[in-house]
Amino acid sequence: MNTQGKVNKRLFKKTELATHKVELALINDLEVHVSKAEKYDKESKKLFDSLVSEIENKTRSLGNLSNSGFAEFEAYLKIGKQIKAATKELGIDLPPEVAALTKKIQKHTSAINIRASIGRSVRKASK
């Protein structure tokens, strides 16, 4: 074999080894990225699970408050009916405070129910 052939043969072996080293280094780089992504996935799942748990607790509390607010509204309506019946029996007008108080309780119970409804939607979406 001539000199050029010997040189080419050795260069080819060295080039082939260098190529394998580069390929192995790139595969190692890929493994590092996969490992980091796996770590971030685990951390984000932990945070998400914590968030879902907190959402469930808060929406449960909103539901309880909504139930309490509705009970107050029902009690208000019951008393309101008694007042209307009494004023009718006495032949007098309904006190103006009753209308103002009715608006206020409607406003508060409506706001409570809207928040509870949104809370239920958020809770459902988080499952």
N, C-alpha and C. Protein backbone atom coordinates (compact mmCIF):
# COMPACT_ATOMS: atom_id res chain seq x y z
N MET A 1 0.86 -1.16 0.00
CA MET A 1 0.00 0.00 0.00
C MET A 1 0.90 1.22 0.00
N ASN A 2 0.53 2.17 -0.77
CA ASN A 2 1.38 3.34 -0.87
C ASN A 2 1.15 4.26 0.34
N THR A 3 1.94 5.25 0.47
CA THR A 3 1.91 6.17 1.61
C THR A 3 0.59 6.91 1.69
N GLN A 4 0.09 7.35 0.58
CA GLN A 4 -1.18 8.08 0.59
C GLN A 4 -2.30 7.17 1.08
N GLY A 5 -2.31 5.95 0.70
CA GLY A 5 -3.33 5.00 1.13
C GLY A 5 -3.26 4.77 2.63
N LYS A 6 -2.01 4.64 3.17
CA LYS A 6 -1.85 4.46 4.61
C LYS A 6 -2.35 5.67 5.39
N VAL A 7 -2.03 6.85 4.89
CA VAL A 7 -2.46 8.09 5.55
C VAL A 7 -3.98 8.19 5.53
N ASN A 8 -4.57 7.94 4.38
CA ASN A 8 -6.04 8.01 4.28
C ASN A 8 -6.73 7.00 5.20
N LYS A 9 -6.14 5.79 5.29
CA LYS A 9 -6.72 4.76 6.14
C LYS A 9 -6.72 5.20 7.60
N ARG A 10 -5.60 5.74 8.07
CA ARG A 10 -5.50 6.22 9.47
C ARG A 10 -6.41 7.43 9.71
N LEU A 11 -6.44 8.34 8.76
CA LEU A 11 -7.30 9.52 8.91
C LEU A 11 -8.77 9.12 8.98
N PHE A 12 -9.15 8.12 8.17
CA PHE A 12 -10.54 7.68 8.17
C PHE A 12 -10.92 7.11 9.54
N LYS A 13 -10.02 6.31 10.14
CA LYS A 13 -10.28 5.74 11.46
C LYS A 13 -10.42 6.84 12.50
N LYS A 14 -9.51 7.83 12.47
CA LYS A 14 -9.56 8.94 13.43
C LYS A 14 -10.82 9.77 13.22
N THR A 15 -11.17 10.02 11.97
CA THR A 15 -12.36 10.81 11.68
C THR A 15 -13.60 10.06 12.15
N GLU A 16 -13.61 8.75 11.94
CA GLU A 16 -14.75 7.93 12.37
C GLU A 16 -14.88 7.96 13.89
N LEU A 17 -13.78 7.85 14.61
CA LEU A 17 -13.80 7.92 16.08
C LEU A 17 -14.25 9.29 16.56
N ALA A 18 -13.76 10.33 15.93
CA ALA A 18 -14.14 11.68 16.31
C ALA A 18 -15.64 11.89 16.08
N THR A 19 -16.16 11.35 14.98
CA THR A 19 -17.58 11.47 14.68
C THR A 19 -18.41 10.77 15.74
N HIS A 20 -17.97 9.59 16.17
CA HIS A 20 -18.69 8.85 17.22
C HIS A 20 -18.66 9.63 18.54
N LYS A 21 -17.53 10.23 18.85
CA LYS A 21 -17.43 11.02 20.09
C LYS A 21 -18.40 12.20 20.05
N VAL A 22 -18.48 12.86 18.92
CA VAL A 22 -19.39 14.00 18.78
C VAL A 22 -20.84 13.53 18.91
N GLU A 23 -21.18 12.42 18.27
CA GLU A 23 -22.53 11.89 18.35
C GLU A 23 -22.88 11.52 19.79
N LEU A 24 -21.94 10.88 20.50
CA LEU A 24 -22.19 10.52 21.90
C LEU A 24 -22.36 11.77 22.77
N ALA A 25 -21.59 12.79 22.51
CA ALA A 25 -21.70 14.04 23.27
C ALA A 25 -23.07 14.69 23.02
N LEU A 26 -23.53 14.65 21.79
CA LEU A 26 -24.84 15.22 21.46
C LEU A 26 -25.96 14.42 22.13
N ILE A 27 -25.82 13.10 22.15
CA ILE A 27 -26.83 12.27 22.83
C ILE A 27 -26.85 12.59 24.32
N ASN A 28 -25.66 12.77 24.90
CA ASN A 28 -25.59 13.16 26.31
C ASN A 28 -26.28 14.50 26.55
N ASP A 29 -26.11 15.44 25.62
CA ASP A 29 -26.79 16.74 25.73
C ASP A 29 -28.31 16.56 25.70
N LEU A 30 -28.78 15.67 24.82
CA LEU A 30 -30.22 15.39 24.76
C LEU A 30 -30.72 14.83 26.09
N GLU A 31 -29.95 13.91 26.66
CA GLU A 31 -30.35 13.30 27.93
C GLU A 31 -30.42 14.35 29.05
N VAL A 32 -29.51 15.31 29.03
CA VAL A 32 -29.54 16.38 30.02
C VAL A 32 -30.83 17.20 29.89
N HIS A 33 -31.20 17.53 28.67
CA HIS A 33 -32.43 18.31 28.45
C HIS A 33 -33.68 17.52 28.86
N VAL A 34 -33.69 16.23 28.56
CA VAL A 34 -34.83 15.40 28.96
C VAL A 34 -34.92 15.34 30.48
N SER A 35 -33.80 15.20 31.14
CA SER A 35 -33.76 15.14 32.60
C SER A 35 -34.27 16.44 33.22
N LYS A 36 -33.86 17.57 32.67
CA LYS A 36 -34.33 18.86 33.17
C LYS A 36 -35.82 19.04 32.93
N ALA A 37 -36.29 18.64 31.75
CA ALA A 37 -37.72 18.75 31.45
C ALA A 37 -38.53 17.88 32.40
N GLU A 38 -38.03 16.70 32.71
CA GLU A 38 -38.70 15.81 33.65
C GLU A 38 -38.79 16.46 35.03
N LYS A 39 -37.72 17.10 35.46
CA LYS A 39 -37.70 17.79 36.75
C LYS A 39 -38.73 18.91 36.77
N TYR A 40 -38.77 19.71 35.70
CA TYR A 40 -39.74 20.82 35.64
C TYR A 40 -41.18 20.30 35.58
N ASP A 41 -41.37 19.17 34.90
CA ASP A 41 -42.69 18.55 34.84
C ASP A 41 -43.15 18.15 36.24
N LYS A 42 -42.28 17.52 37.00
CA LYS A 42 -42.63 17.10 38.36
C LYS A 42 -42.94 18.30 39.25
N GLU A 43 -42.10 19.35 39.14
CA GLU A 43 -42.32 20.55 39.95
C GLU A 43 -43.63 21.25 39.56
N SER A 44 -43.91 21.33 38.27
CA SER A 44 -45.15 22.00 37.84
C SER A 44 -46.37 21.19 38.26
N LYS A 45 -46.28 19.85 38.23
CA LYS A 45 -47.40 19.01 38.66
C LYS A 45 -47.65 19.21 40.15
N LYS A 46 -46.60 19.29 40.93
CA LYS A 46 -46.74 19.51 42.37
C LYS A 46 -47.44 20.85 42.64
N LEU A 47 -47.01 21.90 41.94
CA LEU A 47 -47.64 23.21 42.10
C LEU A 47 -49.09 23.19 41.63
N PHE A 48 -49.34 22.53 40.51
CA PHE A 48 -50.69 22.46 39.98
C PHE A 48 -51.61 21.70 40.94
N ASP A 49 -51.14 20.58 41.47
CA ASP A 49 -51.95 19.81 42.42
C ASP A 49 -52.27 20.65 43.66
N SER A 50 -51.29 21.42 44.12
CA SER A 50 -51.50 22.30 45.26
C SER A 50 -52.54 23.37 44.92
N LEU A 51 -52.44 23.92 43.73
CA LEU A 51 -53.39 24.94 43.28
C LEU A 51 -54.81 24.36 43.20
N VAL A 52 -54.94 23.17 42.64
CA VAL A 52 -56.25 22.52 42.53
C VAL A 52 -56.84 22.29 43.92
N SER A 53 -56.00 21.83 44.84
CA SER A 53 -56.47 21.60 46.21
C SER A 53 -56.96 22.89 46.84
N GLU A 54 -56.21 23.96 46.64
CA GLU A 54 -56.61 25.26 47.19
C GLU A 54 -57.90 25.76 46.54
N ILE A 55 -58.02 25.56 45.24
CA ILE A 55 -59.23 25.96 44.53
C ILE A 55 -60.43 25.19 45.09
N GLU A 56 -60.26 23.89 45.29
CA GLU A 56 -61.35 23.09 45.83
C GLU A 56 -61.78 23.58 47.20
N ASN A 57 -60.80 23.88 48.05
CA ASN A 57 -61.12 24.37 49.40
C ASN A 57 -61.84 25.72 49.34
N LYS A 58 -61.33 26.62 48.54
CA LYS A 58 -61.92 27.97 48.45
C LYS A 58 -63.31 27.91 47.83
N THR A 59 -63.50 27.10 46.80
CA THR A 59 -64.81 27.04 46.17
C THR A 59 -65.83 26.35 47.09
N ARG A 60 -65.36 25.41 47.90
CA ARG A 60 -66.25 24.80 48.89
C ARG A 60 -66.70 25.85 49.90
N SER A 61 -65.78 26.70 50.32
CA SER A 61 -66.12 27.79 51.24
C SER A 61 -67.10 28.77 50.59
N LEU A 62 -66.86 29.07 49.31
CA LEU A 62 -67.79 29.95 48.58
C LEU A 62 -69.19 29.33 48.53
N GLY A 63 -69.25 28.04 48.30
CA GLY A 63 -70.54 27.36 48.28
C GLY A 63 -71.26 27.45 49.61
N ASN A 64 -70.49 27.27 50.69
CA ASN A 64 -71.09 27.37 52.03
C ASN A 64 -71.61 28.78 52.29
N LEU A 65 -70.83 29.78 51.89
CA LEU A 65 -71.27 31.17 52.06
C LEU A 65 -72.51 31.45 51.21
N SER A 66 -72.53 30.89 50.03
CA SER A 66 -73.69 31.07 49.16
C SER A 66 -74.94 30.48 49.81
N ASN A 67 -74.80 29.30 50.36
CA ASN A 67 -75.93 28.67 51.05
C ASN A 67 -76.40 29.52 52.23
N SER A 68 -75.44 30.05 52.98
CA SER A 68 -75.78 30.91 54.12
C SER A 68 -76.46 32.19 53.65
N GLY A 69 -75.94 32.78 52.58
CA GLY A 69 -76.54 34.00 52.04
C GLY A 69 -77.96 33.74 51.55
N PHE A 70 -78.17 32.60 50.90
CA PHE A 70 -79.51 32.27 50.42
C PHE A 70 -80.47 32.06 51.59
N ALA A 71 -79.98 31.43 52.67
CA ALA A 71 -80.81 31.23 53.86
C ALA A 71 -81.22 32.58 54.46
N GLU A 72 -80.30 33.54 54.45
CA GLU A 72 -80.63 34.88 54.96
C GLU A 72 -81.68 35.55 54.08
N PHE A 73 -81.54 35.36 52.77
CA PHE A 73 -82.51 35.94 51.84
C PHE A 73 -83.90 35.32 52.06
N GLU A 74 -83.95 34.01 52.25
CA GLU A 74 -85.24 33.35 52.52
C GLU A 74 -85.86 33.85 53.83
N ALA A 75 -85.03 34.01 54.86
CA ALA A 75 -85.53 34.54 56.14
C ALA A 75 -86.05 35.96 55.95
N TYR A 76 -85.32 36.75 55.15
CA TYR A 76 -85.74 38.12 54.87
C TYR A 76 -87.10 38.13 54.17
N LEU A 77 -87.26 37.26 53.17
CA LEU A 77 -88.53 37.20 52.44
C LEU A 77 -89.69 36.81 53.36
N LYS A 78 -89.43 35.90 54.28
CA LYS A 78 -90.46 35.47 55.21
C LYS A 78 -90.93 36.64 56.08
N ILE A 79 -89.96 37.38 56.61
CA ILE A 79 -90.29 38.55 57.43
C ILE A 79 -90.97 39.62 56.57
N GLY A 80 -90.48 39.78 55.34
CA GLY A 80 -91.08 40.75 54.41
C GLY A 80 -92.55 40.45 54.16
N LYS A 81 -92.88 39.16 54.00
CA LYS A 81 -94.29 38.78 53.81
C LYS A 81 -95.12 39.12 55.04
N GLN A 82 -94.55 38.93 56.21
CA GLN A 82 -95.27 39.26 57.45
C GLN A 82 -95.54 40.76 57.53
N ILE A 83 -94.52 41.54 57.15
CA ILE A 83 -94.68 43.01 57.18
C ILE A 83 -95.76 43.44 56.19
N LYS A 84 -95.71 42.88 54.97
CA LYS A 84 -96.72 43.23 53.96
C LYS A 84 -98.13 42.86 54.44
N ALA A 85 -98.24 41.69 55.03
CA ALA A 85 -99.56 41.27 55.51
C ALA A 85 -100.05 42.19 56.62
N ALA A 86 -99.15 42.57 57.51
CA ALA A 86 -99.53 43.45 58.63
C ALA A 86 -99.92 44.83 58.12
N THR A 87 -99.17 45.38 57.18
CA THR A 87 -99.49 46.72 56.67
C THR A 87 -100.80 46.70 55.89
N LYS A 88 -101.04 45.60 55.18
CA LYS A 88 -102.29 45.48 54.43
C LYS A 88 -103.48 45.40 55.40
N GLU A 89 -103.30 44.61 56.44
CA GLU A 89 -104.36 44.46 57.44
C GLU A 89 -104.65 45.78 58.15
N LEU A 90 -103.58 46.55 58.39
CA LEU A 90 -103.75 47.82 59.06
C LEU A 90 -104.19 48.93 58.09
N GLY A 91 -104.06 48.67 56.80
CA GLY A 91 -104.47 49.66 55.81
C GLY A 91 -103.47 50.80 55.68
N ILE A 92 -102.19 50.48 55.93
CA ILE A 92 -101.16 51.52 55.80
C ILE A 92 -100.18 51.13 54.69
N ASP A 93 -99.41 52.10 54.27
CA ASP A 93 -98.39 51.85 53.23
C ASP A 93 -97.20 51.11 53.83
N LEU A 94 -96.54 50.38 52.96
CA LEU A 94 -95.31 49.69 53.34
C LEU A 94 -94.25 50.73 53.68
N PRO A 95 -93.56 50.60 54.82
CA PRO A 95 -92.52 51.58 55.15
C PRO A 95 -91.47 51.66 54.04
N PRO A 96 -90.98 52.85 53.69
CA PRO A 96 -90.01 53.01 52.60
C PRO A 96 -88.69 52.29 52.88
N GLU A 97 -88.38 52.07 54.13
CA GLU A 97 -87.13 51.37 54.47
C GLU A 97 -87.13 49.94 53.92
N VAL A 98 -88.31 49.35 53.84
CA VAL A 98 -88.42 47.96 53.37
C VAL A 98 -87.93 47.86 51.92
N ALA A 99 -88.32 48.79 51.08
CA ALA A 99 -87.89 48.77 49.68
C ALA A 99 -86.37 48.93 49.57
N ALA A 100 -85.82 49.83 50.37
CA ALA A 100 -84.37 50.05 50.35
C ALA A 100 -83.63 48.80 50.84
N LEU A 101 -84.15 48.21 51.92
CA LEU A 101 -83.52 47.00 52.45
C LEU A 101 -83.64 45.83 51.47
N THR A 102 -84.75 45.76 50.77
CA THR A 102 -84.94 44.70 49.77
C THR A 102 -83.90 44.82 48.66
N LYS A 103 -83.68 46.03 48.19
CA LYS A 103 -82.66 46.24 47.16
C LYS A 103 -81.29 45.80 47.67
N LYS A 104 -80.98 46.17 48.92
CA LYS A 104 -79.67 45.82 49.48
C LYS A 104 -79.48 44.32 49.59
N ILE A 105 -80.47 43.62 50.13
CA ILE A 105 -80.30 42.17 50.30
C ILE A 105 -80.24 41.47 48.95
N GLN A 106 -81.00 41.96 47.99
CA GLN A 106 -80.94 41.38 46.64
C GLN A 106 -79.56 41.57 46.03
N LYS A 107 -79.00 42.75 46.23
CA LYS A 107 -77.65 43.05 45.71
C LYS A 107 -76.62 42.11 46.33
N HIS A 108 -76.68 41.95 47.66
CA HIS A 108 -75.69 41.11 48.35
C HIS A 108 -75.85 39.64 47.99
N THR A 109 -77.07 39.14 48.00
CA THR A 109 -77.26 37.72 47.69
C THR A 109 -76.95 37.43 46.23
N SER A 110 -77.22 38.37 45.35
CA SER A 110 -76.89 38.20 43.95
C SER A 110 -75.36 38.11 43.76
N ALA A 111 -74.64 38.99 44.42
CA ALA A 111 -73.17 38.98 44.33
C ALA A 111 -72.60 37.68 44.89
N ILE A 112 -73.15 37.24 46.01
CA ILE A 112 -72.67 35.97 46.61
C ILE A 112 -72.91 34.82 45.64
N ASN A 113 -74.10 34.77 45.05
CA ASN A 113 -74.43 33.67 44.14
C ASN A 113 -73.60 33.70 42.87
N ILE A 114 -73.31 34.89 42.37
CA ILE A 114 -72.45 35.00 41.18
C ILE A 114 -71.06 34.45 41.49
N ARG A 115 -70.51 34.85 42.63
CA ARG A 115 -69.17 34.36 43.01
C ARG A 115 -69.18 32.85 43.19
N ALA A 116 -70.21 32.34 43.83
CA ALA A 116 -70.30 30.89 44.03
C ALA A 116 -70.42 30.15 42.70
N SER A 117 -71.18 30.72 41.77
CA SER A 117 -71.32 30.11 40.45
C SER A 117 -69.98 30.08 39.71
N ILE A 118 -69.27 31.18 39.77
CA ILE A 118 -67.94 31.23 39.15
C ILE A 118 -67.02 30.23 39.84
N GLY A 119 -67.10 30.17 41.15
CA GLY A 119 -66.29 29.20 41.89
C GLY A 119 -66.57 27.77 41.47
N ARG A 120 -67.85 27.43 41.28
CA ARG A 120 -68.21 26.08 40.83
C ARG A 120 -67.63 25.82 39.45
N SER A 121 -67.69 26.81 38.56
CA SER A 121 -67.13 26.66 37.22
C SER A 121 -65.63 26.44 37.26
N VAL A 122 -64.96 27.21 38.09
CA VAL A 122 -63.50 27.07 38.23
C VAL A 122 -63.16 25.70 38.79
N ARG A 123 -63.92 25.31 39.79
CA ARG A 123 -63.67 23.99 40.41
C ARG A 123 -63.88 22.87 39.40
N LYS A 124 -64.94 22.96 38.61
CA LYS A 124 -65.23 21.95 37.60
C LYS A 124 -64.11 21.93 36.56
N ALA A 125 -63.64 23.11 36.16
CA ALA A 125 -62.59 23.19 35.14
C ALA A 125 -61.25 22.67 35.64
N SER A 126 -61.03 22.72 36.94
CA SER A 126 -59.74 22.30 37.47
C SER A 126 -59.64 20.79 37.64
N LYS A 127 -60.76 20.09 37.42
CA LYS A 127 -60.73 18.62 37.58
C LYS A 127 -60.36 17.93 36.32
